[in-house]
Amino acid sequence: MAIIGLWHYRKHYKPEKLGQKQEDKKKPDEIIGITVSKNDNFSQWYQEVVLKAEMVEYYQEISGFFILRPLSMFIWNQIKHWFQERLDEMDVEEASFPTFLSAKSIEKEKDHVEGFAPELAWVTKAGSKELETPIAVRPTSEAIMYPYYSKWLRSYRDLPLRLNQWNSVIRWEAKQTTPFLRTREFLWQEGHTAHLTEEDAGKEVLEILELYAQIYEQILAVPVVRGRKTENEKFAGAYYTTTVEGYIPSNGRGIQGATSHCLGQNFSKMFDISVEDPTGNGHIHVWQNSWAFSSRVLGVMVMIHGDDKGLVLPPRVAQIQTVIVPVGVKKSTSPKEKQMFMAKIEDIAKKLKLAGVRVWVDDRDGYTPAWKFNAWELKGVPLRIEFGPRDAVGGVISYCRRDDGKKGTIPIEDISAEIPKLLDAIQKSMYSRADASYRQHRIQVNKWDDVLPALDGKNVLLIPFCLETRCEGRIKELTTRQEDMSHIPDERRPPTMGMKSLCIPFEQPSDLGHSTRCLNPECGNRALKWTMFGRSY
């Protein structure tokens, strides 16, 4: 496949800047390399990586919005293509509904939309005229889609109705925005389906959830925990919500990856979506699901895999999987020798392309190999091939892995088979490291006195929990630090954020038994499930 060129490097970047330490008169965003350590200043590190690796650009005209650059869109489209193929196999059809919803629709489902109300963006004028009735930009599409489900569904023979759309939504965040994680506009898919029975709906909920888990684990090399949200954390108006939950090692926070909701009959009763009962007993309200994941997945991938040099991309989503950098070409090399040498490199690239590898030859003049190495490490390219005259004589290529820095050589005659294997090994290794970290920091806690130390140790906790909503809120209050810590330097100041429930994992560590109490010291009720709690995004 075609790979975009690198004209922007030639136009904007000067080799001598890359990798230099921050100069006193320059701001971090004016220096090409990453200026801070991931461990020392995670927030600034993240902002620099997504900007300097050319994933995003800040939209200067309106705060809270970001431009997704070609690298981000390539990754998003790889995920989209994989997911869409599986939706096609499930007979989920694609649709597109309007961007706007009326105030009347919002009023009809006000209990559901109430949670979105502070984030609604309203259109009040068209040209120079005030609209008689303001319209809102969708934060989600239930109120837009479901009146038409009511119109289209008449008989049980019309079921299941399974529609998905790829679109963007607007949620006018009041908090500080962060690329991919918290933005006022983001890309997502949203599936909305209708079924005859609870059993049919429930089966689909778990099928979709497993696809979400595979996106993270198989495509992005990110481990997740599958589970069900507590009543307190489920989607507003849902019967129940299932989720995949990730973990960010650098700050110990949990992060919601994607959700698949069984809406029950709540919305079908609200919008009068009913069908003829197959038993002949009048009409019954359908069972509905909704499910979605968003461009947040890109931010999760960056935070987990990136390092102090920049991005580290899983090969399956890397726009350039292998870059070939010529080395050992000197001023004394004759034009004919250089031409013959570059022909060998092009032959190597051709073999890799035929083997299905997305490859790029960096043959730019005026840039040293060392500068090119740093540039491609910043961009996260999984595998770098260094090829020089000595390699040509030896009939080998030399390589360096981005994920762990390991180097080696491969005979040129074997690259068509060995490079794809090496990329696959990188993908698996990235997942294994991330999974080991998540398991190490997902710990069971049986004593309340161990909770705060465990949280401060950058862990998410599995605790015995009674599942009561009031108790859950109290746990968050009890783990929120209230004392004034302004006298403690920032780098040593412990987090003040309390912990919230992340999910009730499907995979329970052990049977709690009848005698186990809820870990909340003020509760005393029987614990019903091991529940994962943590500080979270």
Protein backbone atom coordinates (compact mmCIF):
# COMPACT_ATOMS: atom_id res chain seq x y z
CA MET A 1 0.00 0.00 0.00
CA ALA A 2 1.14 3.60 -0.52
CA ILE A 3 2.88 5.34 2.37
CA ILE A 4 2.72 9.11 2.83
CA GLY A 5 5.88 11.05 2.13
CA LEU A 6 8.07 12.87 4.59
CA TRP A 7 8.11 16.37 3.13
CA HIS A 8 7.13 17.81 6.52
CA TYR A 9 10.43 16.64 7.99
CA ARG A 10 12.39 18.45 5.31
CA LYS A 11 10.31 21.57 5.64
CA HIS A 12 10.08 21.97 9.38
CA TYR A 13 12.80 19.96 11.09
CA LYS A 14 16.49 20.66 11.46
CA PRO A 15 18.62 17.60 12.24
CA GLU A 16 20.73 19.31 14.84
CA LYS A 17 17.67 19.94 17.04
CA LEU A 18 16.47 16.37 17.40
CA GLY A 19 17.43 14.77 20.70
CA GLN A 20 18.99 17.92 22.14
CA LYS A 21 18.20 18.94 25.69
CA GLN A 22 15.78 21.80 26.21
CA GLU A 23 17.39 25.17 25.69
CA ASP A 24 16.61 27.99 28.06
CA LYS A 25 14.98 30.18 25.44
CA LYS A 26 12.88 27.47 23.82
CA LYS A 27 9.53 26.12 24.88
CA PRO A 28 9.04 22.33 24.96
CA ASP A 29 6.83 22.41 21.88
CA GLU A 30 9.59 24.17 19.93
CA ILE A 31 12.00 21.27 20.45
CA ILE A 32 11.57 18.22 18.24
CA GLY A 33 12.48 15.51 20.74
CA ILE A 34 10.64 14.67 23.96
CA THR A 35 11.83 17.03 26.71
CA VAL A 36 10.56 15.21 29.81
CA SER A 37 10.64 11.69 31.16
CA LYS A 38 7.45 9.64 31.16
CA ASN A 39 8.02 8.86 34.84
CA ASP A 40 8.83 12.44 35.89
CA ASN A 41 5.99 14.33 34.20
CA PHE A 42 3.51 11.95 32.64
CA SER A 43 1.00 14.61 31.61
CA GLN A 44 3.51 16.77 29.74
CA TRP A 45 5.17 13.68 28.26
CA TYR A 46 1.84 12.53 26.82
CA GLN A 47 1.01 15.94 25.37
CA GLU A 48 4.42 16.16 23.73
CA VAL A 49 4.31 12.65 22.28
CA VAL A 50 0.95 12.97 20.52
CA LEU A 51 1.90 16.41 19.18
CA LYS A 52 5.50 15.75 18.13
CA ALA A 53 4.81 12.30 16.71
CA GLU A 54 2.26 14.06 14.50
CA MET A 55 -0.85 12.33 15.77
CA VAL A 56 -2.72 15.54 16.61
CA GLU A 57 -2.53 19.29 16.26
CA TYR A 58 -4.27 21.78 18.50
CA TYR A 59 -7.19 23.54 16.84
CA GLN A 60 -6.38 27.14 17.71
CA GLU A 61 -9.73 28.66 16.74
CA ILE A 62 -11.82 26.92 19.44
CA SER A 63 -10.39 25.42 22.61
CA GLY A 64 -10.98 21.77 23.41
CA PHE A 65 -10.88 20.60 19.80
CA PHE A 66 -8.04 18.74 18.09
CA ILE A 67 -7.05 17.94 14.52
CA LEU A 68 -6.45 14.25 13.95
CA ARG A 69 -3.49 13.98 11.60
CA PRO A 70 -2.94 11.17 9.05
CA LEU A 71 -1.15 8.86 11.49
CA SER A 72 -4.10 8.93 13.88
CA MET A 73 -6.61 8.44 11.11
CA PHE A 74 -4.63 5.50 9.72
CA ILE A 75 -4.72 3.76 13.10
CA TRP A 76 -8.41 4.58 13.57
CA ASN A 77 -9.22 3.24 10.11
CA GLN A 78 -7.30 0.02 10.74
CA ILE A 79 -9.44 -0.54 13.84
CA LYS A 80 -12.57 0.51 11.98
CA HIS A 81 -11.90 -1.90 9.11
CA TRP A 82 -11.30 -4.82 11.50
CA PHE A 83 -14.46 -4.10 13.50
CA GLN A 84 -16.64 -3.42 10.46
CA GLU A 85 -15.69 -6.80 8.95
CA ARG A 86 -16.99 -8.53 12.08
CA LEU A 87 -20.17 -6.44 12.17
CA ASP A 88 -20.81 -7.50 8.58
CA GLU A 89 -20.48 -11.14 9.65
CA MET A 90 -23.06 -10.47 12.38
CA ASP A 91 -25.45 -8.87 9.86
CA VAL A 92 -25.22 -5.49 11.55
CA GLU A 93 -26.04 -2.90 8.89
CA GLU A 94 -24.55 0.56 8.57
CA ALA A 95 -26.72 3.68 8.75
CA SER A 96 -26.31 7.41 9.15
CA PHE A 97 -28.63 9.60 11.20
CA PRO A 98 -28.66 13.42 11.45
CA THR A 99 -26.30 15.33 13.73
CA PHE A 100 -28.97 17.39 15.50
CA LEU A 101 -31.74 16.60 17.92
CA SER A 102 -34.64 18.74 19.01
CA ALA A 103 -35.43 20.08 22.43
CA LYS A 104 -38.66 18.07 22.22
CA SER A 105 -36.70 14.84 21.84
CA ILE A 106 -34.48 15.76 24.77
CA GLU A 107 -37.51 16.43 26.93
CA LYS A 108 -38.96 13.04 26.00
CA GLU A 109 -35.92 11.24 27.40
CA LYS A 110 -34.87 13.85 29.95
CA ASP A 111 -33.85 11.25 32.55
CA HIS A 112 -31.36 9.78 30.10
CA VAL A 113 -30.11 13.09 28.70
CA GLU A 114 -29.83 14.68 32.14
CA GLY A 115 -26.31 13.32 32.50
CA PHE A 116 -25.34 14.97 29.20
CA ALA A 117 -27.14 18.28 29.86
CA PRO A 118 -24.06 20.23 31.05
CA GLU A 119 -22.20 19.12 27.91
CA LEU A 120 -24.89 19.84 25.30
CA ALA A 121 -23.94 22.29 22.56
CA TRP A 122 -26.91 24.28 21.26
CA VAL A 123 -27.54 25.92 17.87
CA THR A 124 -29.66 29.03 18.35
CA LYS A 125 -29.21 30.89 15.05
CA ALA A 126 -29.36 30.04 11.34
CA GLY A 127 -27.63 32.81 9.40
CA SER A 128 -28.83 36.05 10.99
CA LYS A 129 -32.15 34.63 12.21
CA GLU A 130 -32.85 33.26 15.65
CA LEU A 131 -34.26 29.73 15.57
CA GLU A 132 -37.74 29.42 17.00
CA THR A 133 -36.65 26.28 18.81
CA PRO A 134 -32.96 25.71 19.61
CA ILE A 135 -31.50 22.40 18.47
CA ALA A 136 -28.71 20.43 20.15
CA VAL A 137 -25.69 18.74 18.59
CA ARG A 138 -25.87 15.06 19.44
CA PRO A 139 -23.89 13.82 22.45
CA THR A 140 -25.24 10.35 21.57
CA SER A 141 -28.01 9.21 19.24
CA GLU A 142 -30.76 7.40 21.14
CA ALA A 143 -33.19 10.33 20.89
CA ILE A 144 -32.43 10.73 17.18
CA MET A 145 -32.72 7.08 16.19
CA TYR A 146 -35.41 5.52 18.34
CA PRO A 147 -38.46 7.40 17.02
CA TYR A 148 -37.70 5.73 13.69
CA TYR A 149 -37.24 2.32 15.26
CA SER A 150 -40.80 2.81 16.51
CA LYS A 151 -41.90 3.63 12.97
CA TRP A 152 -40.06 0.78 11.25
CA LEU A 153 -40.78 -2.10 13.63
CA ARG A 154 -44.25 -3.63 13.50
CA SER A 155 -43.90 -7.41 13.69
CA TYR A 156 -41.56 -9.80 15.45
CA ARG A 157 -40.57 -10.79 11.91
CA ASP A 158 -38.83 -7.39 11.61
CA LEU A 159 -36.41 -8.38 14.37
CA PRO A 160 -33.59 -8.21 15.06
CA LEU A 161 -32.96 -4.67 13.83
CA ARG A 162 -29.22 -4.06 14.09
CA LEU A 163 -27.77 -0.74 12.97
CA ASN A 164 -24.38 0.86 13.47
CA GLN A 165 -23.07 4.26 12.49
CA TRP A 166 -19.59 5.80 12.40
CA ASN A 167 -19.69 9.46 13.30
CA SER A 168 -18.47 12.14 15.65
CA VAL A 169 -20.29 13.53 18.67
CA ILE A 170 -20.00 16.77 20.62
CA ARG A 171 -19.80 16.90 24.39
CA TRP A 172 -18.83 20.35 25.58
CA GLU A 173 -16.37 19.38 28.27
CA ALA A 174 -15.99 21.98 31.02
CA LYS A 175 -12.88 20.31 32.42
CA GLN A 176 -9.41 20.60 30.95
CA THR A 177 -9.30 18.74 27.67
CA THR A 178 -6.64 16.19 26.71
CA PRO A 179 -6.03 14.78 23.21
CA PHE A 180 -8.03 11.57 22.64
CA LEU A 181 -8.98 11.17 26.32
CA ARG A 182 -11.18 14.18 26.99
CA THR A 183 -12.14 16.27 23.96
CA ARG A 184 -15.19 18.24 22.94
CA GLU A 185 -15.53 16.29 19.72
CA PHE A 186 -14.50 12.70 19.21
CA LEU A 187 -14.90 9.92 16.70
CA TRP A 188 -16.77 6.77 17.58
CA GLN A 189 -19.07 4.07 16.39
CA GLU A 190 -22.44 3.57 18.02
CA GLY A 191 -24.47 0.44 17.51
CA HIS A 192 -28.19 0.38 18.36
CA THR A 193 -30.12 -2.86 18.08
CA ALA A 194 -33.58 -4.23 18.86
CA HIS A 195 -34.42 -7.83 19.78
CA LEU A 196 -37.44 -9.91 20.66
CA THR A 197 -36.19 -11.35 23.94
CA GLU A 198 -33.85 -10.55 26.82
CA GLU A 199 -31.87 -13.67 25.94
CA ASP A 200 -31.24 -12.51 22.37
CA ALA A 201 -30.18 -9.06 23.58
CA GLY A 202 -27.92 -10.47 26.26
CA LYS A 203 -26.12 -12.74 23.81
CA GLU A 204 -25.29 -9.82 21.54
CA VAL A 205 -24.08 -7.64 24.43
CA LEU A 206 -21.37 -10.16 25.25
CA GLU A 207 -20.47 -10.82 21.60
CA ILE A 208 -19.82 -7.13 21.04
CA LEU A 209 -17.93 -6.78 24.32
CA GLU A 210 -15.60 -9.58 23.26
CA LEU A 211 -14.93 -7.80 19.95
CA TYR A 212 -14.01 -4.67 21.91
CA ALA A 213 -11.65 -6.71 24.07
CA GLN A 214 -10.03 -8.14 20.94
CA ILE A 215 -9.52 -4.64 19.50
CA TYR A 216 -7.49 -3.75 22.56
CA GLU A 217 -5.69 -7.04 23.04
CA GLN A 218 -5.11 -8.28 19.47
CA ILE A 219 -4.88 -5.00 17.55
CA LEU A 220 -3.46 -2.50 20.06
CA ALA A 221 -1.58 -4.96 22.33
CA VAL A 222 -3.42 -3.54 25.36
CA PRO A 223 -4.75 -5.88 28.08
CA VAL A 224 -8.24 -5.27 29.46
CA VAL A 225 -10.51 -6.69 32.14
CA ARG A 226 -13.99 -7.72 31.03
CA GLY A 227 -16.77 -7.03 33.49
CA ARG A 228 -20.06 -5.43 34.40
CA LYS A 229 -20.53 -1.92 35.70
CA THR A 230 -22.11 -1.39 39.11
CA GLU A 231 -25.55 0.21 39.29
CA ASN A 232 -23.85 3.48 40.21
CA GLU A 233 -21.61 3.46 37.12
CA LYS A 234 -23.87 1.93 34.47
CA PHE A 235 -25.06 3.93 31.47
CA ALA A 236 -28.02 6.17 32.31
CA GLY A 237 -31.22 4.37 31.34
CA ALA A 238 -29.54 1.00 30.82
CA TYR A 239 -30.74 -2.30 32.24
CA TYR A 240 -27.08 -3.18 32.73
CA THR A 241 -23.71 -2.17 31.28
CA THR A 242 -20.75 -4.37 30.41
CA THR A 243 -17.29 -2.91 29.95
CA VAL A 244 -13.65 -3.52 29.17
CA GLU A 245 -11.34 -1.70 31.58
CA GLY A 246 -7.71 -0.79 30.95
CA TYR A 247 -4.87 0.31 33.21
CA ILE A 248 -2.24 3.04 32.82
CA PRO A 249 0.95 1.95 34.65
CA SER A 250 2.56 5.40 34.76
CA ASN A 251 -0.04 6.83 37.13
CA GLY A 252 -1.85 3.70 38.28
CA ARG A 253 -5.23 4.84 36.95
CA GLY A 254 -7.92 2.70 35.42
CA ILE A 255 -9.49 3.78 32.16
CA GLN A 256 -12.74 2.66 30.55
CA GLY A 257 -12.03 1.15 27.15
CA ALA A 258 -15.47 0.48 25.64
CA THR A 259 -18.98 -0.36 26.80
CA SER A 260 -21.77 -2.62 25.62
CA HIS A 261 -25.15 -1.90 27.20
CA CYS A 262 -28.31 -3.91 27.49
CA LEU A 263 -30.95 -1.18 27.55
CA GLY A 264 -33.72 -3.60 28.44
CA GLN A 265 -37.16 -2.25 27.59
CA ASN A 266 -36.60 1.19 29.10
CA PHE A 267 -36.19 3.04 25.82
CA SER A 268 -38.66 0.91 23.89
CA LYS A 269 -41.34 1.91 26.40
CA MET A 270 -40.19 5.53 26.29
CA PHE A 271 -40.37 5.65 22.47
CA ASP A 272 -43.14 3.06 22.06
CA ILE A 273 -41.04 0.57 20.10
CA SER A 274 -43.23 -2.52 20.11
CA VAL A 275 -43.96 -5.45 17.83
CA GLU A 276 -46.68 -8.00 17.37
CA ASP A 277 -46.24 -10.82 19.88
CA PRO A 278 -45.43 -14.12 18.07
CA THR A 279 -47.81 -15.90 20.47
CA GLY A 280 -50.67 -13.71 19.30
CA ASN A 281 -51.11 -11.92 22.64
CA GLY A 282 -51.11 -8.32 21.47
CA HIS A 283 -47.86 -6.36 21.28
CA ILE A 284 -44.64 -6.47 23.30
CA HIS A 285 -41.90 -3.90 23.75
CA VAL A 286 -38.61 -4.90 22.20
CA TRP A 287 -35.35 -5.45 24.07
CA GLN A 288 -32.64 -3.03 23.04
CA ASN A 289 -28.85 -2.75 23.16
CA SER A 290 -26.41 0.02 22.47
CA TRP A 291 -22.63 -0.24 22.28
CA ALA A 292 -19.76 2.08 21.42
CA PHE A 293 -16.04 2.68 21.45
CA SER A 294 -14.30 5.94 20.58
CA SER A 295 -11.02 7.46 19.42
CA ARG A 296 -10.01 7.36 23.10
CA VAL A 297 -8.50 3.98 22.19
CA LEU A 298 -5.61 5.80 20.52
CA GLY A 299 -4.74 7.67 23.70
CA VAL A 300 -4.80 4.48 25.76
CA MET A 301 -2.41 2.84 23.29
CA VAL A 302 0.01 5.80 23.45
CA MET A 303 0.04 5.97 27.25
CA ILE A 304 0.69 2.28 27.73
CA HIS A 305 3.34 1.64 25.08
CA GLY A 306 5.12 4.99 24.62
CA ASP A 307 8.50 5.71 26.18
CA ASP A 308 10.93 8.62 26.63
CA LYS A 309 11.83 8.53 22.93
CA GLY A 310 8.21 8.89 21.78
CA LEU A 311 5.60 6.55 20.33
CA VAL A 312 5.90 2.77 20.32
CA LEU A 313 3.35 1.48 17.83
CA PRO A 314 2.00 -2.08 17.68
CA PRO A 315 2.85 -3.41 14.19
CA ARG A 316 -0.77 -4.22 13.33
CA VAL A 317 -1.75 -0.55 13.36
CA ALA A 318 1.55 1.08 12.38
CA GLN A 319 1.27 3.12 9.19
CA ILE A 320 4.91 2.29 8.49
CA GLN A 321 5.81 -1.09 9.94
CA THR A 322 9.42 -1.13 8.76
CA VAL A 323 11.66 1.76 7.76
CA ILE A 324 14.86 1.15 5.81
CA VAL A 325 17.68 3.60 6.54
CA PRO A 326 20.74 3.48 4.27
CA VAL A 327 24.00 3.73 6.21
CA GLY A 328 27.67 3.88 5.27
CA VAL A 329 27.18 6.01 2.16
CA LYS A 330 30.01 8.57 2.19
CA LYS A 331 30.97 11.61 0.19
CA SER A 332 33.60 9.47 -1.45
CA THR A 333 30.98 7.01 -2.71
CA SER A 334 30.71 7.41 -6.47
CA PRO A 335 27.32 8.09 -8.07
CA LYS A 336 27.45 4.71 -9.80
CA GLU A 337 28.24 2.88 -6.53
CA LYS A 338 25.45 4.77 -4.78
CA GLN A 339 23.01 3.95 -7.59
CA MET A 340 23.83 0.23 -7.38
CA PHE A 341 23.58 0.32 -3.58
CA MET A 342 20.19 2.07 -3.61
CA ALA A 343 18.94 -0.43 -6.19
CA LYS A 344 19.64 -3.22 -3.70
CA ILE A 345 17.67 -1.31 -1.05
CA GLU A 346 14.74 -0.84 -3.41
CA ASP A 347 14.84 -4.56 -4.14
CA ILE A 348 14.66 -5.28 -0.40
CA ALA A 349 11.72 -2.89 -0.06
CA LYS A 350 9.94 -4.54 -2.99
CA LYS A 351 10.31 -7.99 -1.43
CA LEU A 352 8.88 -6.74 1.85
CA LYS A 353 5.94 -5.04 0.14
CA LEU A 354 5.14 -8.28 -1.69
CA ALA A 355 5.23 -10.03 1.71
CA GLY A 356 2.55 -7.61 2.96
CA VAL A 357 4.85 -5.36 5.00
CA ARG A 358 4.18 -1.61 5.03
CA VAL A 359 7.69 -0.34 4.35
CA TRP A 360 9.34 3.02 3.70
CA VAL A 361 12.84 3.78 2.43
CA ASP A 362 14.28 6.91 4.05
CA ASP A 363 16.73 7.97 1.36
CA ARG A 364 16.63 11.70 2.12
CA ASP A 365 19.85 13.58 1.59
CA GLY A 366 21.17 16.03 4.18
CA TYR A 367 20.13 13.99 7.20
CA THR A 368 22.48 11.72 9.08
CA PRO A 369 21.48 8.12 9.82
CA ALA A 370 21.52 8.92 13.57
CA TRP A 371 19.05 11.76 13.06
CA LYS A 372 16.81 9.50 11.01
CA PHE A 373 16.96 6.82 13.73
CA ASN A 374 15.75 9.35 16.31
CA ALA A 375 13.05 10.68 14.00
CA TRP A 376 11.58 7.23 13.38
CA GLU A 377 11.81 6.28 17.04
CA LEU A 378 9.78 9.38 17.86
CA LYS A 379 7.18 8.24 15.33
CA GLY A 380 7.07 4.76 16.87
CA VAL A 381 7.89 2.68 13.76
CA PRO A 382 8.10 -0.93 15.03
CA LEU A 383 11.16 -2.07 13.08
CA ARG A 384 14.15 -0.27 11.64
CA ILE A 385 16.36 -1.86 9.00
CA GLU A 386 19.88 -0.46 8.67
CA PHE A 387 21.51 -1.41 5.39
CA GLY A 388 25.05 -0.48 4.40
CA PRO A 389 27.76 -1.62 2.00
CA ARG A 390 29.02 -4.18 4.51
CA ASP A 391 25.51 -5.63 4.82
CA ALA A 392 25.31 -5.80 1.03
CA VAL A 393 28.58 -7.73 0.87
CA GLY A 394 27.41 -10.09 3.62
CA GLY A 395 24.00 -10.59 2.05
CA VAL A 396 22.15 -9.57 5.23
CA ILE A 397 20.07 -6.75 6.65
CA SER A 398 20.60 -5.38 10.15
CA TYR A 399 17.54 -4.54 12.21
CA CYS A 400 16.58 -2.81 15.45
CA ARG A 401 13.29 -3.33 17.25
CA ARG A 402 11.49 -0.23 18.54
CA ASP A 403 9.79 -2.00 21.46
CA ASP A 404 12.89 -3.28 23.25
CA GLY A 405 15.87 -2.02 21.25
CA LYS A 406 17.12 -5.53 20.40
CA LYS A 407 19.25 -5.82 17.28
CA GLY A 408 20.10 -8.61 14.88
CA THR A 409 20.68 -9.61 11.28
CA ILE A 410 18.64 -11.60 8.76
CA PRO A 411 19.84 -13.03 5.42
CA ILE A 412 18.33 -11.04 2.57
CA GLU A 413 17.00 -14.22 1.00
CA ASP A 414 14.94 -14.88 4.15
CA ILE A 415 13.41 -11.43 4.78
CA SER A 416 10.08 -12.16 3.07
CA ALA A 417 9.36 -14.80 5.70
CA GLU A 418 11.36 -13.52 8.67
CA ILE A 419 10.35 -9.84 8.81
CA PRO A 420 6.59 -10.63 9.10
CA LYS A 421 7.47 -13.15 11.82
CA LEU A 422 9.53 -10.52 13.62
CA LEU A 423 6.69 -7.99 13.44
CA ASP A 424 4.34 -10.59 14.86
CA ALA A 425 6.82 -11.28 17.68
CA ILE A 426 6.97 -7.54 18.46
CA GLN A 427 3.16 -7.39 18.63
CA LYS A 428 3.01 -10.33 21.03
CA SER A 429 5.88 -9.05 23.15
CA MET A 430 4.24 -5.65 23.57
CA TYR A 431 1.04 -7.29 24.75
CA SER A 432 2.86 -9.64 27.11
CA ARG A 433 4.73 -6.78 28.82
CA ALA A 434 1.59 -4.69 29.22
CA ASP A 435 -0.39 -7.69 30.48
CA ALA A 436 2.28 -8.59 33.04
CA SER A 437 2.24 -5.01 34.34
CA TYR A 438 -1.57 -4.96 34.62
CA ARG A 439 -1.63 -8.29 36.48
CA GLN A 440 1.13 -7.15 38.82
CA HIS A 441 -0.81 -4.01 39.71
CA ARG A 442 -4.28 -5.59 39.95
CA ILE A 443 -4.20 -6.75 43.56
CA GLN A 444 -6.65 -8.17 46.06
CA VAL A 445 -7.09 -6.14 49.23
CA ASN A 446 -8.80 -7.58 52.30
CA LYS A 447 -8.00 -4.89 54.90
CA TRP A 448 -9.24 -1.32 54.78
CA ASP A 449 -5.95 0.02 56.17
CA ASP A 450 -4.21 -1.36 53.06
CA VAL A 451 -6.40 0.56 50.60
CA LEU A 452 -4.65 3.95 50.44
CA PRO A 453 -1.11 2.51 50.44
CA ALA A 454 -2.15 0.18 47.61
CA LEU A 455 -3.64 3.06 45.62
CA ASP A 456 -0.53 5.16 46.19
CA GLY A 457 1.47 2.20 44.88
CA LYS A 458 -0.22 2.75 41.50
CA ASN A 459 -2.50 -0.26 41.79
CA VAL A 460 -6.12 -0.99 40.98
CA LEU A 461 -7.79 -3.00 43.74
CA LEU A 462 -10.05 -6.01 43.87
CA ILE A 463 -12.06 -5.66 47.05
CA PRO A 464 -15.01 -7.52 48.61
CA PHE A 465 -18.02 -5.29 47.94
CA CYS A 466 -21.72 -5.33 48.81
CA LEU A 467 -22.73 -3.61 45.49
CA GLU A 468 -24.81 -0.97 47.31
CA THR A 469 -24.87 2.42 45.55
CA ARG A 470 -24.69 4.41 48.77
CA CYS A 471 -21.74 2.36 49.99
CA GLU A 472 -19.90 2.92 46.72
CA GLY A 473 -20.20 6.68 47.07
CA ARG A 474 -18.95 6.49 50.63
CA ILE A 475 -15.88 4.49 49.58
CA LYS A 476 -14.96 7.27 47.19
CA GLU A 477 -15.35 9.85 49.98
CA LEU A 478 -13.30 7.83 52.44
CA THR A 479 -10.42 7.45 50.00
CA THR A 480 -10.33 11.12 48.98
CA ARG A 481 -7.63 13.05 50.81
CA GLN A 482 -9.03 16.20 52.38
CA GLU A 483 -5.98 17.56 54.17
CA ASP A 484 -4.02 20.54 52.89
CA MET A 485 -0.84 19.27 51.24
CA SER A 486 0.32 22.50 49.63
CA HIS A 487 3.47 22.38 51.75
CA ILE A 488 4.55 19.15 50.03
CA PRO A 489 6.51 19.55 46.77
CA ASP A 490 4.54 18.52 43.68
CA GLU A 491 6.82 15.60 42.86
CA ARG A 492 6.27 14.08 46.33
CA ARG A 493 2.64 15.06 46.87
CA PRO A 494 0.33 12.00 47.05
CA PRO A 495 -2.83 11.99 44.89
CA THR A 496 -5.98 13.37 46.50
CA MET A 497 -8.39 11.56 44.15
CA GLY A 498 -10.61 8.92 45.72
CA MET A 499 -11.24 5.55 44.15
CA LYS A 500 -14.38 4.56 42.28
CA SER A 501 -15.65 1.25 41.01
CA LEU A 502 -14.29 0.27 37.60
CA CYS A 503 -16.20 -2.96 37.08
CA ILE A 504 -17.32 -6.26 38.58
CA PRO A 505 -14.94 -8.59 36.73
CA PHE A 506 -16.50 -11.60 35.06
CA GLU A 507 -13.45 -13.54 36.17
CA GLN A 508 -13.72 -13.57 39.97
CA PRO A 509 -10.50 -14.34 41.94
CA SER A 510 -12.28 -16.67 44.35
CA ASP A 511 -15.59 -17.47 46.01
CA LEU A 512 -16.30 -14.87 48.70
CA GLY A 513 -18.43 -17.14 50.82
CA HIS A 514 -21.23 -16.09 53.17
CA SER A 515 -19.06 -14.70 55.95
CA THR A 516 -17.05 -12.15 53.94
CA ARG A 517 -18.04 -8.56 54.71
CA CYS A 518 -17.90 -5.50 52.45
CA LEU A 519 -14.49 -3.85 52.82
CA ASN A 520 -15.99 -0.44 53.61
CA PRO A 521 -15.39 -0.13 57.40
CA GLU A 522 -18.73 1.67 57.82
CA CYS A 523 -20.78 -0.95 55.98
CA GLY A 524 -20.77 -4.42 57.55
CA ASN A 525 -23.02 -5.95 54.88
CA ARG A 526 -22.18 -9.22 53.21
CA ALA A 527 -19.82 -8.87 50.24
CA LEU A 528 -21.44 -10.16 47.06
CA LYS A 529 -18.66 -9.76 44.48
CA TRP A 530 -15.00 -8.96 44.13
CA THR A 531 -15.18 -5.52 42.54
CA MET A 532 -12.37 -3.63 40.87
CA PHE A 533 -11.85 -0.13 42.27
CA GLY A 534 -9.23 2.45 41.46
CA ARG A 535 -8.38 6.02 40.66
CA SER A 536 -9.51 6.55 37.11
CA TYR A 537 -9.86 8.85 34.13
